[in-house]
Amino acid sequence: MTTTTTTATSAEQRRAAARVPLTEPTSLFGRLMVWYSRRTYGDVLDPGLAMLHNRRVLTSVLRFEKRVEKWDRLDPDLKTLAEMAAASVIGCSWCMDFGYWAAHSKGLRVDKLREVPRWRESEAFTPLERQVLQYAEAMTATPPEVTDELAAELRGQLGDAAFVELTAIVGLENERSRVNSALGLHSQGLSDRCELRSAGRPTQSAG
């Protein structure tokens, strides 16, 4: 299964490519959102600027995402792999970029994330991780291609609660990736900043 993603080369080009205007707001609510976004992420996230055109949509999404953060039955690294697999199939470069940044910021393993688009050829993944990636891809296909056998194997290894959470998080990532892709949003380079921060950390000397 192949995907195509597009990354704009500058902030101006990136925002010009969006299908709704991505201008920083002048309203009090909008300025508060911009302040919070810069404080939390180091940048003003493009999806937030896009959704500011409909404040009810924005606030509903933010409230729901805050609740999603409390889901805790599925291993966080497996959850990230599932999200990245769904985003990769859809071709959402913004979601792939943000997913890497989010995992890095939470202290999760990121060494395997760049291998997700080619996981079938990669030797980086465990058998369970490969099943999670397969499930995320099968769920994201149109129509879905989930088999009874794959679902039963995952239920047996994860348990019902974690399996339901896996299914829900892949469905949610489909919503995120499809909305962002349809709005013409592209990578903001958040993952590049992770690489810069990692490279800039002092190396601890032995002894």
Protein backbone atom coordinates (compact mmCIF):
# COMPACT_ATOMS: atom_id res chain seq x y z
CA MET A 1 0.00 0.00 0.00
CA THR A 2 1.68 3.25 -1.11
CA THR A 3 1.05 6.79 0.04
CA THR A 4 2.01 10.22 -1.19
CA THR A 5 2.66 13.16 1.12
CA THR A 6 3.51 16.74 0.32
CA THR A 7 5.62 19.01 2.53
CA ALA A 8 5.65 22.75 1.85
CA THR A 9 9.11 24.32 2.00
CA SER A 10 8.35 27.38 4.11
CA ALA A 11 5.74 28.61 6.57
CA GLU A 12 4.35 31.03 3.98
CA GLN A 13 4.13 28.41 1.25
CA ARG A 14 2.71 25.87 3.68
CA ARG A 15 -0.07 28.14 4.87
CA ALA A 16 -0.76 29.41 1.35
CA ALA A 17 -1.37 25.79 0.31
CA ALA A 18 -4.15 25.37 2.87
CA ARG A 19 -7.73 25.37 1.63
CA VAL A 20 -8.89 27.84 4.29
CA PRO A 21 -7.04 31.02 5.39
CA LEU A 22 -4.50 30.38 8.16
CA THR A 23 -4.12 33.87 9.58
CA GLU A 24 -3.36 34.60 13.22
CA PRO A 25 -6.53 35.88 14.93
CA THR A 26 -7.23 39.24 16.55
CA SER A 27 -10.05 38.15 18.87
CA LEU A 28 -9.32 37.56 22.56
CA PHE A 29 -10.18 33.87 22.26
CA GLY A 30 -7.97 33.53 19.22
CA ARG A 31 -5.04 35.32 20.85
CA LEU A 32 -5.34 33.06 23.89
CA MET A 33 -5.27 30.01 21.62
CA VAL A 34 -2.17 31.33 19.84
CA TRP A 35 -0.44 31.98 23.19
CA TYR A 36 -1.28 28.49 24.47
CA SER A 37 -0.16 26.85 21.23
CA ARG A 38 3.21 28.62 21.21
CA ARG A 39 3.73 27.89 24.90
CA THR A 40 2.87 24.19 24.51
CA TYR A 41 4.19 23.31 21.07
CA GLY A 42 6.66 26.08 20.25
CA ASP A 43 4.54 27.12 17.26
CA VAL A 44 0.98 28.00 16.31
CA LEU A 45 -0.51 24.75 15.04
CA ASP A 46 -2.13 25.03 11.63
CA PRO A 47 -5.16 22.83 12.47
CA GLY A 48 -6.00 25.25 15.29
CA LEU A 49 -5.89 28.22 12.92
CA ALA A 50 -8.06 26.32 10.44
CA MET A 51 -10.64 25.36 13.05
CA LEU A 52 -10.82 28.91 14.40
CA HIS A 53 -13.14 29.58 11.47
CA ASN A 54 -15.68 27.56 13.46
CA ARG A 55 -15.16 28.04 17.19
CA ARG A 56 -17.65 25.32 18.17
CA VAL A 57 -15.76 22.78 16.10
CA LEU A 58 -12.46 23.86 17.63
CA THR A 59 -13.64 23.76 21.24
CA SER A 60 -15.38 20.40 20.74
CA VAL A 61 -12.23 18.88 19.26
CA LEU A 62 -10.04 20.27 22.04
CA ARG A 63 -12.35 18.94 24.77
CA PHE A 64 -12.50 15.50 23.20
CA GLU A 65 -8.71 15.31 22.68
CA LYS A 66 -8.20 16.18 26.36
CA ARG A 67 -10.38 13.20 27.30
CA VAL A 68 -8.55 10.96 24.85
CA GLU A 69 -5.30 11.77 26.68
CA LYS A 70 -6.73 9.92 29.70
CA TRP A 71 -7.18 6.62 27.83
CA ASP A 72 -4.67 4.25 29.41
CA ARG A 73 -5.46 0.63 28.62
CA LEU A 74 -3.26 0.38 25.51
CA ASP A 75 0.53 0.56 25.67
CA PRO A 76 1.52 4.13 24.62
CA ASP A 77 4.14 2.98 22.13
CA LEU A 78 1.66 0.66 20.42
CA LYS A 79 -0.86 3.50 20.35
CA THR A 80 1.65 5.79 18.63
CA LEU A 81 2.53 3.14 16.05
CA ALA A 82 -1.16 2.66 15.26
CA GLU A 83 -1.71 6.40 14.86
CA MET A 84 1.33 6.78 12.62
CA ALA A 85 0.28 3.83 10.46
CA ALA A 86 -3.17 5.31 9.86
CA ALA A 87 -1.72 8.75 9.10
CA SER A 88 0.78 7.18 6.70
CA VAL A 89 -1.91 5.33 4.75
CA ILE A 90 -3.96 8.52 4.40
CA GLY A 91 -0.87 10.53 3.52
CA CYS A 92 -1.19 13.22 6.20
CA SER A 93 2.29 14.72 6.51
CA TRP A 94 1.07 17.09 9.24
CA CYS A 95 -0.12 14.16 11.36
CA MET A 96 3.08 12.18 10.83
CA ASP A 97 5.16 15.20 11.81
CA PHE A 98 3.07 15.99 14.90
CA GLY A 99 2.92 12.32 15.91
CA TYR A 100 6.70 12.12 16.02
CA TRP A 101 6.90 15.36 18.03
CA ALA A 102 4.23 14.17 20.49
CA ALA A 103 5.93 10.82 21.04
CA HIS A 104 9.32 12.47 21.53
CA SER A 105 7.86 14.99 23.97
CA LYS A 106 6.29 12.21 26.05
CA GLY A 107 9.54 10.30 26.23
CA LEU A 108 8.23 7.43 24.11
CA ARG A 109 10.35 5.39 21.73
CA VAL A 110 10.73 7.17 18.41
CA ASP A 111 13.40 5.03 16.78
CA LYS A 112 10.80 2.94 14.96
CA LEU A 113 8.46 5.71 13.85
CA ARG A 114 10.32 6.58 10.67
CA GLU A 115 10.09 2.93 9.67
CA VAL A 116 6.27 2.87 9.86
CA PRO A 117 5.58 3.63 6.15
CA ARG A 118 7.74 0.61 5.19
CA TRP A 119 7.03 -1.62 8.17
CA ARG A 120 6.47 -4.72 6.04
CA GLU A 121 10.05 -4.60 4.76
CA SER A 122 11.57 -3.38 8.04
CA GLU A 123 13.03 -5.69 10.68
CA ALA A 124 12.55 -3.11 13.44
CA PHE A 125 9.19 -4.34 14.73
CA THR A 126 8.13 -7.13 17.07
CA PRO A 127 5.39 -9.58 15.98
CA LEU A 128 2.81 -7.74 18.14
CA GLU A 129 3.82 -4.37 16.73
CA ARG A 130 3.47 -5.75 13.21
CA GLN A 131 -0.05 -6.95 14.00
CA VAL A 132 -0.96 -3.52 15.39
CA LEU A 133 0.39 -1.86 12.23
CA GLN A 134 -1.50 -4.32 10.04
CA TYR A 135 -4.70 -3.69 11.98
CA ALA A 136 -4.33 0.09 11.69
CA GLU A 137 -3.82 -0.18 7.94
CA ALA A 138 -6.73 -2.60 7.55
CA MET A 139 -9.03 -0.28 9.52
CA THR A 140 -7.95 2.72 7.43
CA ALA A 141 -8.60 1.03 4.09
CA THR A 142 -11.83 1.92 2.28
CA PRO A 143 -13.79 -0.22 2.87
CA PRO A 144 -12.10 -1.58 6.00
CA GLU A 145 -10.20 -4.85 5.52
CA VAL A 146 -10.09 -6.10 9.13
CA THR A 147 -10.41 -9.88 9.34
CA ASP A 148 -11.88 -11.96 12.16
CA GLU A 149 -8.54 -13.75 12.49
CA LEU A 150 -6.51 -10.56 12.97
CA ALA A 151 -9.00 -9.13 15.45
CA ALA A 152 -9.04 -12.38 17.45
CA GLU A 153 -5.23 -12.52 17.59
CA LEU A 154 -5.00 -8.95 18.85
CA ARG A 155 -7.76 -9.46 21.41
CA GLY A 156 -5.92 -12.48 22.70
CA GLN A 157 -2.66 -10.55 23.15
CA LEU A 158 -4.02 -7.18 24.28
CA GLY A 159 -7.24 -8.01 26.09
CA ASP A 160 -10.63 -6.59 25.23
CA ALA A 161 -10.17 -3.18 26.87
CA ALA A 162 -6.90 -2.44 25.07
CA PHE A 163 -8.25 -3.84 21.80
CA VAL A 164 -11.25 -1.49 21.95
CA GLU A 165 -8.90 1.41 22.72
CA LEU A 166 -6.71 0.47 19.77
CA THR A 167 -9.75 0.42 17.51
CA ALA A 168 -10.96 3.78 18.80
CA ILE A 169 -7.56 5.46 18.45
CA VAL A 170 -7.19 4.28 14.85
CA GLY A 171 -10.68 5.59 14.09
CA LEU A 172 -9.79 8.91 15.71
CA GLU A 173 -6.55 9.17 13.75
CA ASN A 174 -8.54 8.60 10.57
CA GLU A 175 -10.69 11.59 11.50
CA ARG A 176 -7.65 13.76 12.28
CA SER A 177 -5.71 12.76 9.18
CA ARG A 178 -8.62 13.02 6.77
CA VAL A 179 -9.67 16.44 8.10
CA ASN A 180 -6.14 17.83 8.01
CA SER A 181 -5.47 16.40 4.56
CA ALA A 182 -8.76 17.71 3.17
CA LEU A 183 -7.94 21.16 4.58
CA GLY A 184 -4.60 21.08 2.75
CA LEU A 185 -2.42 21.10 5.86
CA HIS A 186 1.21 20.01 5.62
CA SER A 187 4.11 19.24 7.96
CA GLN A 188 5.21 22.15 10.18
CA GLY A 189 8.66 20.73 10.86
CA LEU A 190 7.93 19.91 14.50
CA SER A 191 9.82 16.63 14.26
CA ASP A 192 12.88 18.45 12.91
CA ARG A 193 13.02 20.43 16.15
CA CYS A 194 13.08 17.15 18.08
CA GLU A 195 16.12 16.07 16.09
CA LEU A 196 17.83 19.40 16.75
CA ARG A 197 17.16 19.18 20.49
CA SER A 198 18.48 15.62 20.61
CA ALA A 199 21.61 16.56 18.66
CA GLY A 200 22.20 19.50 20.97
CA ARG A 201 22.18 17.47 24.19
CA PRO A 202 25.63 17.16 25.74
CA THR A 203 27.16 13.70 25.61
CA GLN A 204 27.85 12.32 29.04
CA SER A 205 31.45 11.19 29.47
CA ALA A 206 32.16 7.76 30.86
CA GLY A 207 33.60 7.48 34.32
